[in-house]
Amino acid sequence: MENLEIKARCASLAAMARTAAAAGAVMQASFEQVDTYFKVAQGRLKLRRQQGAGDALIFYRRPDDKSAKVSRYEVVPVCNAPQLEFMLQQALGIKAVVRKRRQLWRLDNIRIHLDEVEGLGSFIEFEVEVGPGRDVAGCRAQADALLHRLGISAADLIAGSYSDLAV
């Protein structure tokens, strides 16, 4: 699976939610997530525990650039997250634990996340889904257009993941 991602600091999640809605995005859900990142040689591996939804093990690779970047990822649902977390902690060690409240918005093939991350602040992240009929170049154009529509400045863009900011 593949998408194009952008992450940025956000001064006001409420204002960004209004801007996203004005751009045509629709709020789909609001929930709490705990992502436990494990130490791995390449990419990032995290166990996501999500209140009210299924837990998942997620592995992804993407460059640490501030611009829109291609992320290739795999998601595997897990049924016993506490046991899996214990095993992975013993085998790999924990890099960081990230707790956040997330609003999930949707605009066409774009997932917009408005996140309040414990100890780090407020962020917007969006993922433009690459797939049949949607190549990377077209998705990059969508990402650039959305950056402008949402008023996100280059100074607010972030290169890495929340786990990098948390350590």
Protein backbone atom coordinates (compact mmCIF):
# COMPACT_ATOMS: atom_id res chain seq x y z
CA MET A 1 0.00 0.00 0.00
CA GLU A 2 1.21 3.48 -0.72
CA ASN A 3 0.30 7.09 -0.06
CA LEU A 4 1.83 10.55 -0.18
CA GLU A 5 2.16 12.14 3.26
CA ILE A 6 2.58 15.60 4.74
CA LYS A 7 2.80 16.51 8.41
CA ALA A 8 2.84 20.01 9.89
CA ARG A 9 2.49 21.84 13.18
CA CYS A 10 -0.94 23.39 13.64
CA ALA A 11 -1.60 26.48 15.79
CA SER A 12 -5.34 25.74 16.18
CA LEU A 13 -7.05 22.43 15.51
CA ALA A 14 -10.47 24.10 15.71
CA ALA A 15 -9.52 26.66 13.05
CA MET A 16 -7.99 23.94 10.88
CA ALA A 17 -11.17 21.85 11.21
CA ARG A 18 -13.21 24.82 9.94
CA THR A 19 -10.77 25.32 7.05
CA ALA A 20 -10.85 21.61 6.17
CA ALA A 21 -14.66 21.64 6.20
CA ALA A 22 -14.70 24.74 3.98
CA ALA A 23 -12.41 22.86 1.54
CA GLY A 24 -15.01 20.07 1.35
CA ALA A 25 -13.58 17.61 3.88
CA VAL A 26 -16.01 15.62 6.04
CA MET A 27 -15.22 14.51 9.59
CA GLN A 28 -15.53 10.74 9.90
CA ALA A 29 -14.39 9.92 13.42
CA SER A 30 -12.65 11.07 16.56
CA PHE A 31 -10.68 8.70 18.76
CA GLU A 32 -7.65 8.15 20.97
CA GLN A 33 -4.60 6.24 19.78
CA VAL A 34 -1.46 4.93 21.46
CA ASP A 35 1.37 4.10 19.05
CA THR A 36 4.28 2.10 20.44
CA TYR A 37 7.28 2.38 18.10
CA PHE A 38 9.87 -0.37 18.20
CA LYS A 39 13.57 -0.15 17.41
CA VAL A 40 14.15 -1.51 13.91
CA ALA A 41 17.08 -1.29 11.48
CA GLN A 42 15.00 0.11 8.60
CA GLY A 43 11.69 1.91 8.37
CA ARG A 44 9.32 2.23 11.30
CA LEU A 45 7.36 -0.45 13.13
CA LYS A 46 4.54 0.50 15.46
CA LEU A 47 1.77 -1.20 17.34
CA ARG A 48 -1.32 0.99 17.21
CA ARG A 49 -3.90 0.61 19.93
CA GLN A 50 -7.03 2.51 19.12
CA GLN A 51 -9.95 3.06 21.44
CA GLY A 52 -13.12 1.58 19.98
CA ALA A 53 -11.43 0.07 16.94
CA GLY A 54 -9.15 -2.82 16.13
CA ASP A 55 -5.48 -2.75 17.05
CA ALA A 56 -2.88 -3.11 14.30
CA LEU A 57 0.80 -3.66 13.68
CA ILE A 58 2.03 -1.16 11.07
CA PHE A 59 5.33 -1.17 9.23
CA TYR A 60 6.24 1.69 6.92
CA ARG A 61 9.10 3.25 5.03
CA ARG A 62 9.26 6.84 3.93
CA PRO A 63 11.95 9.47 3.58
CA ASP A 64 12.26 12.09 6.30
CA ASP A 65 11.54 15.09 4.07
CA LYS A 66 9.43 18.11 4.86
CA SER A 67 7.80 17.99 1.43
CA ALA A 68 5.15 15.48 0.38
CA LYS A 69 6.79 12.06 0.62
CA VAL A 70 5.85 8.61 -0.60
CA SER A 71 5.12 6.19 2.23
CA ARG A 72 4.93 2.46 1.58
CA TYR A 73 3.21 0.57 4.38
CA GLU A 74 1.66 -2.67 5.55
CA VAL A 75 -1.06 -2.99 8.18
CA VAL A 76 -1.82 -6.25 10.00
CA PRO A 77 -4.75 -6.44 12.43
CA VAL A 78 -3.82 -7.97 15.80
CA CYS A 79 -6.08 -9.68 18.31
CA ASN A 80 -3.83 -9.75 21.39
CA ALA A 81 -2.06 -6.38 21.43
CA PRO A 82 -0.75 -6.58 25.02
CA GLN A 83 0.99 -9.91 24.40
CA LEU A 84 2.36 -8.78 21.03
CA GLU A 85 3.64 -5.54 22.57
CA PHE A 86 5.42 -7.50 25.31
CA MET A 87 7.03 -9.84 22.77
CA LEU A 88 8.18 -7.01 20.49
CA GLN A 89 9.49 -5.04 23.45
CA GLN A 90 11.56 -8.05 24.53
CA ALA A 91 12.84 -8.74 21.00
CA LEU A 92 13.40 -5.23 19.66
CA GLY A 93 13.07 -2.67 22.42
CA ILE A 94 10.80 0.36 22.44
CA LYS A 95 11.88 3.55 20.68
CA ALA A 96 8.94 5.76 21.76
CA VAL A 97 5.32 5.72 22.84
CA VAL A 98 3.08 8.36 21.28
CA ARG A 99 -0.38 9.13 22.68
CA LYS A 100 -2.77 11.26 20.68
CA ARG A 101 -6.35 12.34 20.17
CA ARG A 102 -7.14 12.23 16.47
CA GLN A 103 -9.91 13.59 14.31
CA LEU A 104 -10.16 11.78 10.98
CA TRP A 105 -11.45 13.83 8.06
CA ARG A 106 -11.91 12.67 4.49
CA LEU A 107 -11.67 14.58 1.20
CA ASP A 108 -11.88 12.35 -1.88
CA ASN A 109 -8.80 10.08 -1.68
CA ILE A 110 -7.21 12.12 1.11
CA ARG A 111 -7.25 11.23 4.80
CA ILE A 112 -6.76 14.34 6.94
CA HIS A 113 -5.71 13.80 10.56
CA LEU A 114 -6.02 16.58 13.13
CA ASP A 115 -3.92 15.38 16.04
CA GLU A 116 -3.37 16.58 19.60
CA VAL A 117 -0.21 14.70 20.58
CA GLU A 118 0.57 14.35 24.27
CA GLY A 119 3.68 16.34 25.15
CA LEU A 120 4.22 17.56 21.57
CA GLY A 121 1.27 19.78 20.63
CA SER A 122 -1.15 20.06 17.71
CA PHE A 123 -0.53 18.78 14.20
CA ILE A 124 -2.20 18.20 10.88
CA GLU A 125 -1.20 15.22 8.80
CA PHE A 126 -2.66 14.21 5.50
CA GLU A 127 -2.25 11.14 3.38
CA VAL A 128 -3.13 11.17 -0.29
CA GLU A 129 -3.91 7.59 -1.29
CA VAL A 130 -2.04 6.39 -4.37
CA GLY A 131 -3.83 3.67 -6.29
CA PRO A 132 -5.45 2.67 -9.55
CA GLY A 133 -5.96 5.79 -11.64
CA ARG A 134 -4.04 7.91 -9.12
CA ASP A 135 -0.31 8.08 -9.76
CA VAL A 136 2.29 9.69 -7.50
CA ALA A 137 2.60 12.82 -9.67
CA GLY A 138 -1.15 13.42 -9.55
CA CYS A 139 -1.24 12.79 -5.81
CA ARG A 140 1.65 15.22 -5.33
CA ALA A 141 -0.36 17.88 -7.17
CA GLN A 142 -3.33 17.14 -4.88
CA ALA A 143 -1.09 17.45 -1.80
CA ASP A 144 0.35 20.78 -2.97
CA ALA A 145 -3.12 22.14 -3.72
CA LEU A 146 -4.39 21.07 -0.29
CA LEU A 147 -1.40 22.69 1.42
CA HIS A 148 -2.42 25.99 -0.16
CA ARG A 149 -6.15 25.55 0.54
CA LEU A 150 -5.46 24.83 4.21
CA GLY A 151 -2.96 27.68 4.54
CA ILE A 152 -0.09 25.49 5.76
CA SER A 153 3.24 27.29 5.55
CA ALA A 154 6.57 25.69 4.68
CA ALA A 155 7.88 26.74 8.12
CA ASP A 156 5.30 24.47 9.80
CA LEU A 157 6.19 21.31 7.85
CA ILE A 158 7.82 18.39 9.71
CA ALA A 159 10.17 15.84 8.19
CA GLY A 160 9.91 12.84 10.53
CA SER A 161 7.29 11.06 12.58
CA TYR A 162 5.87 11.77 16.01
CA SER A 163 8.23 9.11 17.35
CA ASP A 164 11.21 11.22 16.23
CA LEU A 165 9.82 14.26 18.05
CA ALA A 166 9.06 12.23 21.17
CA VAL A 167 12.61 10.93 21.78
